[in-house]
Amino acid sequence: MTEFFSAFIGQLTATSPAEWVAVVLALAYVWLAANQNRWCWLCAFISTAIYTWLFWQVTLPFQAVLNLYYMIMAGYGYYQWNRQSGGEDIVRSWPWYWHAMMIPGLLFIAWGLSLWAQGQFNSDHLLLDASIQVVSVVTTVMVAHKVLQNWLYWFVINLASAYLYAQSGLALSACLFFGYVGFSIFGYLQWSQQWKLQQHDAHAYR
């Protein structure tokens, strides 16, 4: 255990300035997103641009491609949130059966991608890497369209990502995504409150 913590502290002290900037901006993104502030997307764009480069350096190809996708979605998310005055929009909720059908399909796609990548990349975490990528792609679309359940997806994704990054030598990013787990809960509570208010207003006007 002592050796583990020593190695972990060593990774933290060796963290590059680029990773520090990416982490700070990523924290700003999730805080602003939980509070439905459209400027979260600018923080996301810059942070994910840095992470695209970082993940490619440590041979996490799916994470690199995922963050390139995040850069594109940052522009799309800003457009979607900015359609309404002040960036406000209605929080939506998808029925449970959509998720019950979608999740197995996404994991099957991830499994197929990991099999393909075995001959392309030398990594021990391709299945986890691919699973995080595939599920995150859909979850980011859910954020852009303000689907309440996105925060539940991020809860699981963030736990898995924290483990993956710790195994890949990105200790600071592992800490970031472990912290994201708490932000996922906070974001869900914030959006759930608005969802309940919307439901109350809808019933009041009937």
N, C-alpha and C. Protein backbone atom coordinates (compact mmCIF):
# COMPACT_ATOMS: atom_id res chain seq x y z
N MET A 1 0.83 -1.21 0.00
CA MET A 1 0.00 0.00 0.00
C MET A 1 0.87 1.26 0.00
N THR A 2 1.97 1.23 0.80
CA THR A 2 2.87 2.38 0.84
C THR A 2 3.49 2.64 -0.52
N GLU A 3 3.85 1.56 -1.21
CA GLU A 3 4.44 1.71 -2.54
C GLU A 3 3.44 2.31 -3.52
N PHE A 4 2.17 1.91 -3.38
CA PHE A 4 1.13 2.45 -4.27
C PHE A 4 1.00 3.95 -4.09
N PHE A 5 0.92 4.39 -2.81
CA PHE A 5 0.76 5.82 -2.56
C PHE A 5 2.00 6.60 -2.97
N SER A 6 3.16 6.01 -2.79
CA SER A 6 4.39 6.68 -3.21
C SER A 6 4.41 6.88 -4.72
N ALA A 7 3.99 5.82 -5.43
CA ALA A 7 3.95 5.92 -6.90
C ALA A 7 2.90 6.94 -7.34
N PHE A 8 1.76 6.96 -6.62
CA PHE A 8 0.69 7.90 -6.96
C PHE A 8 1.13 9.34 -6.74
N ILE A 9 1.78 9.60 -5.62
CA ILE A 9 2.29 10.95 -5.33
C ILE A 9 3.34 11.33 -6.35
N GLY A 10 4.16 10.36 -6.74
CA GLY A 10 5.17 10.63 -7.76
C GLY A 10 4.55 11.04 -9.08
N GLN A 11 3.43 10.38 -9.44
CA GLN A 11 2.72 10.74 -10.67
C GLN A 11 2.14 12.15 -10.57
N LEU A 12 1.60 12.50 -9.40
CA LEU A 12 1.03 13.84 -9.22
C LEU A 12 2.09 14.93 -9.37
N THR A 13 3.24 14.70 -8.75
CA THR A 13 4.29 15.72 -8.81
C THR A 13 4.87 15.84 -10.22
N ALA A 14 4.72 14.77 -11.02
CA ALA A 14 5.24 14.80 -12.38
C ALA A 14 4.21 15.27 -13.40
N THR A 15 3.04 15.68 -12.91
CA THR A 15 1.97 16.12 -13.81
C THR A 15 2.41 17.33 -14.62
N SER A 16 2.15 17.28 -15.92
CA SER A 16 2.56 18.36 -16.82
C SER A 16 1.66 19.58 -16.64
N PRO A 17 2.17 20.78 -16.95
CA PRO A 17 1.34 21.99 -16.89
C PRO A 17 0.09 21.88 -17.77
N ALA A 18 0.23 21.21 -18.92
CA ALA A 18 -0.92 21.05 -19.83
C ALA A 18 -2.04 20.27 -19.15
N GLU A 19 -1.68 19.21 -18.41
CA GLU A 19 -2.71 18.42 -17.73
C GLU A 19 -3.37 19.22 -16.62
N TRP A 20 -2.59 20.06 -15.90
CA TRP A 20 -3.17 20.92 -14.87
C TRP A 20 -4.20 21.87 -15.46
N VAL A 21 -3.86 22.49 -16.60
CA VAL A 21 -4.80 23.42 -17.25
C VAL A 21 -6.07 22.68 -17.66
N ALA A 22 -5.89 21.48 -18.24
CA ALA A 22 -7.04 20.68 -18.68
C ALA A 22 -7.95 20.33 -17.50
N VAL A 23 -7.35 19.99 -16.37
CA VAL A 23 -8.12 19.61 -15.19
C VAL A 23 -8.92 20.80 -14.65
N VAL A 24 -8.27 21.96 -14.54
CA VAL A 24 -8.96 23.15 -14.01
C VAL A 24 -10.14 23.52 -14.90
N LEU A 25 -9.93 23.50 -16.21
CA LEU A 25 -11.01 23.84 -17.14
C LEU A 25 -12.11 22.78 -17.13
N ALA A 26 -11.73 21.53 -16.94
CA ALA A 26 -12.73 20.46 -16.86
C ALA A 26 -13.60 20.62 -15.62
N LEU A 27 -12.99 21.03 -14.51
CA LEU A 27 -13.78 21.29 -13.30
C LEU A 27 -14.73 22.46 -13.51
N ALA A 28 -14.23 23.50 -14.19
CA ALA A 28 -15.08 24.66 -14.49
C ALA A 28 -16.25 24.24 -15.37
N TYR A 29 -15.98 23.35 -16.33
CA TYR A 29 -17.05 22.88 -17.23
C TYR A 29 -18.18 22.20 -16.46
N VAL A 30 -17.82 21.24 -15.61
CA VAL A 30 -18.86 20.45 -14.97
C VAL A 30 -19.64 21.30 -13.96
N TRP A 31 -18.98 22.26 -13.30
CA TRP A 31 -19.67 23.15 -12.38
C TRP A 31 -20.67 24.03 -13.13
N LEU A 32 -20.21 24.60 -14.23
CA LEU A 32 -21.08 25.47 -15.03
C LEU A 32 -22.22 24.68 -15.67
N ALA A 33 -21.92 23.45 -16.10
CA ALA A 33 -22.96 22.61 -16.72
C ALA A 33 -24.05 22.27 -15.70
N ALA A 34 -23.64 21.94 -14.48
CA ALA A 34 -24.61 21.61 -13.44
C ALA A 34 -25.53 22.78 -13.15
N ASN A 35 -24.99 24.01 -13.32
CA ASN A 35 -25.78 25.21 -13.10
C ASN A 35 -26.37 25.78 -14.39
N GLN A 36 -26.32 24.99 -15.46
CA GLN A 36 -26.91 25.32 -16.75
C GLN A 36 -26.40 26.66 -17.32
N ASN A 37 -25.11 26.90 -17.15
CA ASN A 37 -24.47 28.08 -17.71
C ASN A 37 -23.82 27.68 -19.04
N ARG A 38 -24.22 28.32 -20.12
CA ARG A 38 -23.78 27.91 -21.45
C ARG A 38 -22.28 28.08 -21.68
N TRP A 39 -21.57 28.87 -20.84
CA TRP A 39 -20.13 29.04 -21.01
C TRP A 39 -19.36 27.80 -20.60
N CYS A 40 -20.07 26.81 -20.07
CA CYS A 40 -19.42 25.54 -19.78
C CYS A 40 -18.81 24.94 -21.04
N TRP A 41 -19.43 25.22 -22.18
CA TRP A 41 -18.97 24.60 -23.44
C TRP A 41 -17.64 25.16 -23.91
N LEU A 42 -17.33 26.42 -23.59
CA LEU A 42 -16.02 26.97 -23.93
C LEU A 42 -14.93 26.29 -23.11
N CYS A 43 -15.19 26.12 -21.81
CA CYS A 43 -14.24 25.40 -20.97
C CYS A 43 -14.04 23.98 -21.48
N ALA A 44 -15.13 23.35 -21.90
CA ALA A 44 -15.06 21.99 -22.41
C ALA A 44 -14.21 21.92 -23.68
N PHE A 45 -14.37 22.89 -24.56
CA PHE A 45 -13.63 22.88 -25.82
C PHE A 45 -12.12 22.92 -25.58
N ILE A 46 -11.67 23.84 -24.74
CA ILE A 46 -10.24 23.99 -24.50
C ILE A 46 -9.68 22.79 -23.74
N SER A 47 -10.41 22.35 -22.71
CA SER A 47 -9.96 21.22 -21.92
C SER A 47 -9.82 19.95 -22.75
N THR A 48 -10.82 19.68 -23.58
CA THR A 48 -10.78 18.45 -24.38
C THR A 48 -9.75 18.52 -25.50
N ALA A 49 -9.44 19.71 -25.97
CA ALA A 49 -8.37 19.85 -26.97
C ALA A 49 -7.04 19.41 -26.36
N ILE A 50 -6.81 19.80 -25.11
CA ILE A 50 -5.58 19.40 -24.42
C ILE A 50 -5.59 17.89 -24.18
N TYR A 51 -6.73 17.37 -23.72
CA TYR A 51 -6.81 15.95 -23.43
C TYR A 51 -6.67 15.07 -24.68
N THR A 52 -7.12 15.57 -25.81
CA THR A 52 -6.95 14.81 -27.05
C THR A 52 -5.48 14.50 -27.27
N TRP A 53 -4.65 15.49 -27.07
CA TRP A 53 -3.20 15.31 -27.24
C TRP A 53 -2.64 14.42 -26.13
N LEU A 54 -3.04 14.64 -24.86
CA LEU A 54 -2.50 13.89 -23.74
C LEU A 54 -2.79 12.39 -23.86
N PHE A 55 -4.03 12.05 -24.21
CA PHE A 55 -4.40 10.64 -24.27
C PHE A 55 -3.69 9.91 -25.41
N TRP A 56 -3.43 10.64 -26.48
CA TRP A 56 -2.71 10.01 -27.59
C TRP A 56 -1.27 9.67 -27.16
N GLN A 57 -0.71 10.51 -26.29
CA GLN A 57 0.65 10.30 -25.82
C GLN A 57 0.79 9.06 -24.95
N VAL A 58 -0.28 8.68 -24.23
CA VAL A 58 -0.21 7.52 -23.32
C VAL A 58 -0.93 6.30 -23.89
N THR A 59 -1.15 6.29 -25.19
CA THR A 59 -1.75 5.15 -25.91
C THR A 59 -3.12 4.77 -25.37
N LEU A 60 -3.99 5.78 -25.28
CA LEU A 60 -5.41 5.55 -25.02
C LEU A 60 -6.16 6.09 -26.23
N PRO A 61 -6.14 5.34 -27.34
CA PRO A 61 -6.67 5.86 -28.60
C PRO A 61 -8.14 6.21 -28.56
N PHE A 62 -8.93 5.39 -27.87
CA PHE A 62 -10.37 5.67 -27.82
C PHE A 62 -10.65 6.94 -27.02
N GLN A 63 -9.85 7.17 -25.96
CA GLN A 63 -10.02 8.40 -25.19
C GLN A 63 -9.61 9.62 -26.00
N ALA A 64 -8.57 9.47 -26.82
CA ALA A 64 -8.14 10.59 -27.67
C ALA A 64 -9.23 10.95 -28.68
N VAL A 65 -9.79 9.93 -29.33
CA VAL A 65 -10.86 10.16 -30.31
C VAL A 65 -12.10 10.71 -29.61
N LEU A 66 -12.38 10.20 -28.41
CA LEU A 66 -13.53 10.68 -27.65
C LEU A 66 -13.40 12.17 -27.35
N ASN A 67 -12.22 12.61 -26.96
CA ASN A 67 -12.04 14.02 -26.63
C ASN A 67 -12.06 14.89 -27.87
N LEU A 68 -11.66 14.35 -29.01
CA LEU A 68 -11.82 15.08 -30.26
C LEU A 68 -13.31 15.27 -30.57
N TYR A 69 -14.07 14.23 -30.31
CA TYR A 69 -15.53 14.32 -30.45
C TYR A 69 -16.12 15.34 -29.48
N TYR A 70 -15.60 15.36 -28.23
CA TYR A 70 -16.06 16.34 -27.25
C TYR A 70 -15.84 17.77 -27.75
N MET A 71 -14.73 18.01 -28.44
CA MET A 71 -14.46 19.34 -28.97
C MET A 71 -15.56 19.77 -29.93
N ILE A 72 -15.95 18.84 -30.81
CA ILE A 72 -17.02 19.14 -31.77
C ILE A 72 -18.34 19.37 -31.04
N MET A 73 -18.61 18.51 -30.06
CA MET A 73 -19.87 18.61 -29.32
C MET A 73 -19.93 19.86 -28.46
N ALA A 74 -18.75 20.41 -28.10
CA ALA A 74 -18.76 21.66 -27.33
C ALA A 74 -19.40 22.78 -28.14
N GLY A 75 -19.07 22.81 -29.43
CA GLY A 75 -19.71 23.80 -30.30
C GLY A 75 -21.19 23.54 -30.47
N TYR A 76 -21.55 22.27 -30.63
CA TYR A 76 -22.97 21.91 -30.79
C TYR A 76 -23.75 22.20 -29.51
N GLY A 77 -23.14 21.86 -28.36
CA GLY A 77 -23.82 22.10 -27.09
C GLY A 77 -24.06 23.58 -26.84
N TYR A 78 -23.07 24.40 -27.17
CA TYR A 78 -23.24 25.84 -26.99
C TYR A 78 -24.38 26.35 -27.88
N TYR A 79 -24.43 25.85 -29.12
CA TYR A 79 -25.51 26.25 -30.03
C TYR A 79 -26.87 25.86 -29.47
N GLN A 80 -26.98 24.64 -28.97
CA GLN A 80 -28.26 24.15 -28.44
C GLN A 80 -28.69 24.95 -27.22
N TRP A 81 -27.77 25.20 -26.32
CA TRP A 81 -28.12 25.91 -25.09
C TRP A 81 -28.37 27.39 -25.34
N ASN A 82 -27.77 27.92 -26.38
CA ASN A 82 -27.89 29.34 -26.67
C ASN A 82 -29.12 29.68 -27.51
N ARG A 83 -29.87 28.65 -27.91
CA ARG A 83 -31.06 28.89 -28.73
C ARG A 83 -32.10 29.67 -27.96
N GLN A 84 -32.17 29.43 -26.66
CA GLN A 84 -33.11 30.15 -25.82
C GLN A 84 -32.40 31.32 -25.16
N SER A 85 -33.11 32.35 -24.82
CA SER A 85 -32.54 33.54 -24.17
C SER A 85 -31.88 33.15 -22.85
N GLY A 86 -30.60 33.56 -22.71
CA GLY A 86 -29.86 33.26 -21.50
C GLY A 86 -29.39 31.83 -21.41
N GLY A 87 -29.58 31.05 -22.48
CA GLY A 87 -29.10 29.68 -22.48
C GLY A 87 -30.02 28.70 -21.76
N GLU A 88 -31.16 29.17 -21.27
CA GLU A 88 -32.06 28.28 -20.54
C GLU A 88 -32.88 27.43 -21.50
N ASP A 89 -33.17 26.25 -21.09
CA ASP A 89 -33.99 25.35 -21.90
C ASP A 89 -34.70 24.40 -20.96
N ILE A 90 -35.58 23.60 -21.51
CA ILE A 90 -36.37 22.67 -20.71
C ILE A 90 -35.55 21.40 -20.46
N VAL A 91 -35.50 20.94 -19.21
CA VAL A 91 -34.88 19.66 -18.88
C VAL A 91 -35.83 18.55 -19.31
N ARG A 92 -35.30 17.57 -20.02
CA ARG A 92 -36.11 16.45 -20.52
C ARG A 92 -35.81 15.19 -19.72
N SER A 93 -36.70 14.23 -19.81
CA SER A 93 -36.48 12.94 -19.16
C SER A 93 -36.85 11.83 -20.14
N TRP A 94 -35.91 10.90 -20.36
CA TRP A 94 -36.19 9.78 -21.24
C TRP A 94 -36.77 8.62 -20.42
N PRO A 95 -37.75 7.89 -20.95
CA PRO A 95 -38.34 6.76 -20.22
C PRO A 95 -37.32 5.65 -19.99
N TRP A 96 -37.53 4.86 -18.96
CA TRP A 96 -36.56 3.85 -18.55
C TRP A 96 -36.30 2.81 -19.64
N TYR A 97 -37.32 2.50 -20.45
CA TYR A 97 -37.14 1.44 -21.44
C TYR A 97 -36.18 1.87 -22.56
N TRP A 98 -36.05 3.16 -22.81
CA TRP A 98 -35.05 3.63 -23.77
C TRP A 98 -33.66 3.24 -23.29
N HIS A 99 -33.41 3.47 -22.02
CA HIS A 99 -32.10 3.15 -21.45
C HIS A 99 -31.88 1.64 -21.42
N ALA A 100 -32.92 0.88 -21.11
CA ALA A 100 -32.81 -0.58 -21.04
C ALA A 100 -32.45 -1.17 -22.40
N MET A 101 -32.90 -0.55 -23.48
CA MET A 101 -32.56 -1.01 -24.82
C MET A 101 -31.21 -0.46 -25.28
N MET A 102 -30.90 0.76 -24.88
CA MET A 102 -29.72 1.45 -25.40
C MET A 102 -28.42 0.94 -24.79
N ILE A 103 -28.40 0.72 -23.48
CA ILE A 103 -27.15 0.37 -22.79
C ILE A 103 -26.55 -0.94 -23.30
N PRO A 104 -27.31 -2.05 -23.42
CA PRO A 104 -26.70 -3.28 -23.95
C PRO A 104 -26.17 -3.09 -25.38
N GLY A 105 -26.88 -2.32 -26.19
CA GLY A 105 -26.41 -2.07 -27.55
C GLY A 105 -25.10 -1.31 -27.58
N LEU A 106 -24.97 -0.33 -26.71
CA LEU A 106 -23.73 0.45 -26.65
C LEU A 106 -22.56 -0.40 -26.18
N LEU A 107 -22.79 -1.26 -25.20
CA LEU A 107 -21.71 -2.12 -24.71
C LEU A 107 -21.31 -3.16 -25.75
N PHE A 108 -22.26 -3.61 -26.54
CA PHE A 108 -21.94 -4.55 -27.62
C PHE A 108 -21.05 -3.88 -28.67
N ILE A 109 -21.37 -2.64 -29.01
CA ILE A 109 -20.54 -1.88 -29.95
C ILE A 109 -19.13 -1.70 -29.39
N ALA A 110 -19.04 -1.40 -28.10
CA ALA A 110 -17.73 -1.21 -27.46
C ALA A 110 -16.91 -2.50 -27.51
N TRP A 111 -17.56 -3.62 -27.27
CA TRP A 111 -16.88 -4.91 -27.35
C TRP A 111 -16.32 -5.15 -28.75
N GLY A 112 -17.12 -4.85 -29.76
CA GLY A 112 -16.65 -5.01 -31.14
C GLY A 112 -15.47 -4.11 -31.45
N LEU A 113 -15.52 -2.87 -31.00
CA LEU A 113 -14.41 -1.94 -31.21
C LEU A 113 -13.13 -2.41 -30.52
N SER A 114 -13.27 -2.95 -29.32
CA SER A 114 -12.09 -3.42 -28.59
C SER A 114 -11.44 -4.61 -29.30
N LEU A 115 -12.25 -5.48 -29.88
CA LEU A 115 -11.71 -6.60 -30.65
C LEU A 115 -10.94 -6.10 -31.87
N TRP A 116 -11.51 -5.14 -32.56
CA TRP A 116 -10.83 -4.56 -33.73
C TRP A 116 -9.51 -3.91 -33.33
N ALA A 117 -9.51 -3.22 -32.20
CA ALA A 117 -8.34 -2.44 -31.79
C ALA A 117 -7.20 -3.30 -31.28
N GLN A 118 -7.47 -4.57 -30.93
CA GLN A 118 -6.42 -5.43 -30.41
C GLN A 118 -5.26 -5.59 -31.39
N GLY A 119 -5.57 -5.55 -32.66
CA GLY A 119 -4.51 -5.66 -33.65
C GLY A 119 -3.89 -4.34 -34.04
N GLN A 120 -4.40 -3.25 -33.47
CA GLN A 120 -3.92 -1.92 -33.86
C GLN A 120 -3.11 -1.24 -32.75
N PHE A 121 -3.44 -1.54 -31.48
CA PHE A 121 -2.82 -0.83 -30.36
C PHE A 121 -2.38 -1.81 -29.29
N ASN A 122 -1.30 -1.48 -28.62
CA ASN A 122 -0.78 -2.29 -27.52
C ASN A 122 -1.25 -1.71 -26.20
N SER A 123 -2.38 -2.17 -25.73
CA SER A 123 -2.97 -1.66 -24.49
C SER A 123 -3.70 -2.79 -23.78
N ASP A 124 -3.64 -2.77 -22.44
CA ASP A 124 -4.33 -3.79 -21.64
C ASP A 124 -5.74 -3.38 -21.26
N HIS A 125 -6.17 -2.20 -21.69
CA HIS A 125 -7.46 -1.66 -21.23
C HIS A 125 -8.37 -1.26 -22.39
N LEU A 126 -8.26 -1.97 -23.50
CA LEU A 126 -9.01 -1.57 -24.69
C LEU A 126 -10.51 -1.68 -24.50
N LEU A 127 -10.99 -2.73 -23.82
CA LEU A 127 -12.44 -2.89 -23.65
C LEU A 127 -13.00 -1.77 -22.77
N LEU A 128 -12.32 -1.47 -21.68
CA LEU A 128 -12.78 -0.39 -20.81
C LEU A 128 -12.68 0.95 -21.52
N ASP A 129 -11.59 1.15 -22.23
CA ASP A 129 -11.38 2.38 -23.01
C ASP A 129 -12.51 2.56 -24.02
N ALA A 130 -12.82 1.50 -24.77
CA ALA A 130 -13.86 1.56 -25.80
C ALA A 130 -15.24 1.76 -25.17
N SER A 131 -15.50 1.10 -24.04
CA SER A 131 -16.81 1.22 -23.38
C SER A 131 -17.06 2.65 -22.92
N ILE A 132 -16.03 3.25 -22.32
CA ILE A 132 -16.15 4.64 -21.88
C ILE A 132 -16.41 5.55 -23.07
N GLN A 133 -15.69 5.30 -24.17
CA GLN A 133 -15.85 6.14 -25.36
C GLN A 133 -17.27 6.06 -25.91
N VAL A 134 -17.76 4.85 -26.14
CA VAL A 134 -19.06 4.66 -26.79
C VAL A 134 -20.19 5.23 -25.95
N VAL A 135 -20.19 4.92 -24.65
CA VAL A 135 -21.26 5.41 -23.78
C VAL A 135 -21.18 6.93 -23.62
N SER A 136 -19.97 7.46 -23.57
CA SER A 136 -19.80 8.90 -23.42
C SER A 136 -20.29 9.67 -24.64
N VAL A 137 -20.14 9.08 -25.83
CA VAL A 137 -20.63 9.74 -27.05
C VAL A 137 -22.12 10.03 -26.93
N VAL A 138 -22.89 9.02 -26.53
CA VAL A 138 -24.34 9.20 -26.40
C VAL A 138 -24.68 10.11 -25.23
N THR A 139 -23.94 9.96 -24.14
CA THR A 139 -24.23 10.77 -22.95
C THR A 139 -23.99 12.25 -23.22
N THR A 140 -22.98 12.57 -24.02
CA THR A 140 -22.72 13.97 -24.36
C THR A 140 -23.87 14.57 -25.17
N VAL A 141 -24.46 13.78 -26.04
CA VAL A 141 -25.65 14.24 -26.77
C VAL A 141 -26.79 14.49 -25.80
N MET A 142 -26.90 13.64 -24.78
CA MET A 142 -27.93 13.83 -23.76
C MET A 142 -27.73 15.15 -23.01
N VAL A 143 -26.46 15.50 -22.72
CA VAL A 143 -26.18 16.78 -22.07
C VAL A 143 -26.61 17.94 -22.96
N ALA A 144 -26.23 17.86 -24.24
CA ALA A 144 -26.55 18.94 -25.17
C ALA A 144 -28.05 19.18 -25.28
N HIS A 145 -28.84 18.10 -25.11
CA HIS A 145 -30.30 18.22 -25.19
C HIS A 145 -30.95 18.24 -23.81
N LYS A 146 -30.14 18.40 -22.77
CA LYS A 146 -30.62 18.53 -21.39
C LYS A 146 -31.53 17.37 -20.97
N VAL A 147 -31.02 16.16 -21.19
CA VAL A 147 -31.73 14.97 -20.72
C VAL A 147 -31.27 14.67 -19.29
N LEU A 148 -32.20 14.64 -18.36
CA LEU A 148 -31.90 14.52 -16.94
C LEU A 148 -30.98 13.34 -16.62
N GLN A 149 -31.23 12.19 -17.24
CA GLN A 149 -30.50 10.97 -16.87
C GLN A 149 -29.04 10.99 -17.28
N ASN A 150 -28.59 12.02 -18.01
CA ASN A 150 -27.17 12.06 -18.40
C ASN A 150 -26.27 11.98 -17.17
N TRP A 151 -26.71 12.56 -16.06
CA TRP A 151 -25.87 12.58 -14.86
C TRP A 151 -25.71 11.18 -14.26
N LEU A 152 -26.69 10.33 -14.42
CA LEU A 152 -26.56 8.95 -13.94
C LEU A 152 -25.55 8.19 -14.77
N TYR A 153 -25.56 8.44 -16.08
CA TYR A 153 -24.56 7.82 -16.96
C TYR A 153 -23.16 8.31 -16.57
N TRP A 154 -23.03 9.63 -16.34
CA TRP A 154 -21.72 10.17 -16.00
C TRP A 154 -21.21 9.61 -14.68
N PHE A 155 -22.10 9.30 -13.77
CA PHE A 155 -21.68 8.72 -12.49
C PHE A 155 -20.86 7.45 -12.73
N VAL A 156 -21.37 6.57 -13.57
CA VAL A 156 -20.68 5.31 -13.87
C VAL A 156 -19.45 5.57 -14.73
N ILE A 157 -19.59 6.42 -15.75
CA ILE A 157 -18.47 6.72 -16.65
C ILE A 157 -17.30 7.30 -15.87
N ASN A 158 -17.59 8.19 -14.94
CA ASN A 158 -16.52 8.85 -14.19
C ASN A 158 -15.77 7.87 -13.28
N LEU A 159 -16.48 6.94 -12.66
CA LEU A 159 -15.82 5.92 -11.85
C LEU A 159 -14.90 5.07 -12.72
N ALA A 160 -15.40 4.65 -13.87
CA ALA A 160 -14.60 3.83 -14.77
C ALA A 160 -13.39 4.59 -15.30
N SER A 161 -13.60 5.86 -15.62
CA SER A 161 -12.51 6.69 -16.14
C SER A 161 -11.42 6.91 -15.10
N ALA A 162 -11.82 7.14 -13.85
CA ALA A 162 -10.84 7.34 -12.78
C ALA A 162 -9.92 6.13 -12.66
N TYR A 163 -10.51 4.94 -12.72
CA TYR A 163 -9.71 3.71 -12.67
C TYR A 163 -8.78 3.61 -13.87
N LEU A 164 -9.31 3.87 -15.06
CA LEU A 164 -8.53 3.76 -16.29
C LEU A 164 -7.34 4.71 -16.28
N TYR A 165 -7.57 5.96 -15.89
CA TYR A 165 -6.50 6.95 -15.93
C TYR A 165 -5.44 6.65 -14.86
N ALA A 166 -5.86 6.14 -13.71
CA ALA A 166 -4.90 5.76 -12.68
C ALA A 166 -3.98 4.65 -13.17
N GLN A 167 -4.57 3.71 -13.92
CA GLN A 167 -3.79 2.61 -14.48
C GLN A 167 -2.87 3.07 -15.60
N SER A 168 -3.15 4.22 -16.19
CA SER A 168 -2.39 4.71 -17.34
C SER A 168 -1.37 5.79 -16.96
N GLY A 169 -1.22 6.06 -15.66
CA GLY A 169 -0.23 7.02 -15.22
C GLY A 169 -0.69 8.46 -15.19
N LEU A 170 -1.98 8.71 -15.41
CA LEU A 170 -2.52 10.07 -15.37
C LEU A 170 -3.20 10.28 -14.02
N ALA A 171 -2.38 10.41 -12.98
CA ALA A 171 -2.89 10.44 -11.61
C ALA A 171 -3.79 11.63 -11.35
N LEU A 172 -3.40 12.81 -11.83
CA LEU A 172 -4.21 14.00 -11.59
C LEU A 172 -5.57 13.87 -12.27
N SER A 173 -5.58 13.36 -13.48
CA SER A 173 -6.85 13.16 -14.19
C SER A 173 -7.70 12.10 -13.50
N ALA A 174 -7.06 11.10 -12.92
CA ALA A 174 -7.80 10.09 -12.16
C ALA A 174 -8.50 10.74 -10.97
N CYS A 175 -7.79 11.64 -10.27
CA CYS A 175 -8.40 12.36 -9.16
C CYS A 175 -9.56 13.23 -9.64
N LEU A 176 -9.35 13.88 -10.79
CA LEU A 176 -10.39 14.73 -11.37
C LEU A 176 -11.66 13.94 -11.60
N PHE A 177 -11.55 12.78 -12.25
CA PHE A 177 -12.74 12.02 -12.59
C PHE A 177 -13.36 11.35 -11.37
N PHE A 178 -12.54 11.08 -10.35
CA PHE A 178 -13.14 10.59 -9.10
C PHE A 178 -13.95 11.71 -8.46
N GLY A 179 -13.44 12.94 -8.54
CA GLY A 179 -14.20 14.08 -8.06
C GLY A 179 -15.46 14.32 -8.86
N TYR A 180 -15.41 14.00 -10.15
CA TYR A 180 -16.58 14.13 -11.02
C TYR A 180 -17.76 13.30 -10.52
N VAL A 181 -17.45 12.21 -9.82
CA VAL A 181 -18.52 11.36 -9.30
C VAL A 181 -19.44 12.18 -8.41
N GLY A 182 -18.84 13.00 -7.54
CA GLY A 182 -19.65 13.88 -6.69
C GLY A 182 -20.39 14.93 -7.49
N PHE A 183 -19.73 15.48 -8.52
CA PHE A 183 -20.38 16.46 -9.37
C PHE A 183 -21.56 15.84 -10.12
N SER A 184 -21.47 14.55 -10.44
CA SER A 184 -22.57 13.87 -11.12
C SER A 184 -23.82 13.86 -10.24
N ILE A 185 -23.60 13.60 -8.96
CA ILE A 185 -24.72 13.62 -8.01
C ILE A 185 -25.29 15.03 -7.90
N PHE A 186 -24.39 16.02 -7.77
CA PHE A 186 -24.81 17.42 -7.67
C PHE A 186 -25.60 17.85 -8.90
N GLY A 187 -25.07 17.51 -10.07
CA GLY A 187 -25.76 17.87 -11.32
C GLY A 187 -27.13 17.24 -11.43
N TYR A 188 -27.22 15.97 -11.02
CA TYR A 188 -28.51 15.29 -11.09
C TYR A 188 -29.53 15.95 -10.16
N LEU A 189 -29.10 16.31 -8.96
CA LEU A 189 -30.01 16.96 -8.01
C LEU A 189 -30.45 18.32 -8.53
N GLN A 190 -29.52 19.07 -9.14
CA GLN A 190 -29.85 20.39 -9.67
C GLN A 190 -30.87 20.29 -10.80
N TRP A 191 -30.61 19.40 -11.76
CA TRP A 191 -31.50 19.26 -12.91
C TRP A 191 -32.82 18.61 -12.51
N SER A 192 -32.75 17.69 -11.54
CA SER A 192 -33.97 17.04 -11.08
C SER A 192 -34.91 18.05 -10.44
N GLN A 193 -34.35 19.02 -9.74
CA GLN A 193 -35.17 20.06 -9.13
C GLN A 193 -35.92 20.86 -10.19
N GLN A 194 -35.21 21.20 -11.27
CA GLN A 194 -35.89 21.93 -12.34
C GLN A 194 -36.94 21.06 -13.02
N TRP A 195 -36.63 19.78 -13.20
CA TRP A 195 -37.58 18.86 -13.82
C TRP A 195 -38.87 18.78 -13.00
N LYS A 196 -38.73 18.71 -11.69
CA LYS A 196 -39.91 18.64 -10.82
C LYS A 196 -40.71 19.94 -10.89
N LEU A 197 -40.02 21.07 -10.97
CA LEU A 197 -40.72 22.36 -11.10
C LEU A 197 -41.49 22.42 -12.41
N GLN A 198 -40.88 21.91 -13.46
CA GLN A 198 -41.56 21.88 -14.76
C GLN A 198 -42.81 21.02 -14.71
N GLN A 199 -42.69 19.86 -14.05
CA GLN A 199 -43.84 18.97 -13.92
C GLN A 199 -44.94 19.62 -13.10
N HIS A 200 -44.53 20.31 -12.04
CA HIS A 200 -45.52 21.00 -11.19
C HIS A 200 -46.24 22.09 -11.97
N ASP A 201 -45.46 22.89 -12.74
CA ASP A 201 -46.07 23.97 -13.54
C ASP A 201 -46.99 23.41 -14.59
N ALA A 202 -46.58 22.26 -15.19
CA ALA A 202 -47.41 21.66 -16.24
C ALA A 202 -48.76 21.22 -15.69
N HIS A 203 -48.74 20.64 -14.47
CA HIS A 203 -50.00 20.20 -13.85
C HIS A 203 -50.84 21.40 -13.42
N ALA A 204 -50.18 22.48 -13.00
CA ALA A 204 -50.90 23.66 -12.52
C ALA A 204 -51.67 24.34 -13.62
N TYR A 205 -51.16 24.24 -14.86
CA TYR A 205 -51.82 24.90 -15.99
C TYR A 205 -52.87 24.04 -16.66
N ARG A 206 -53.03 22.81 -16.16
CA ARG A 206 -54.05 21.95 -16.77
C ARG A 206 -55.45 22.28 -16.27
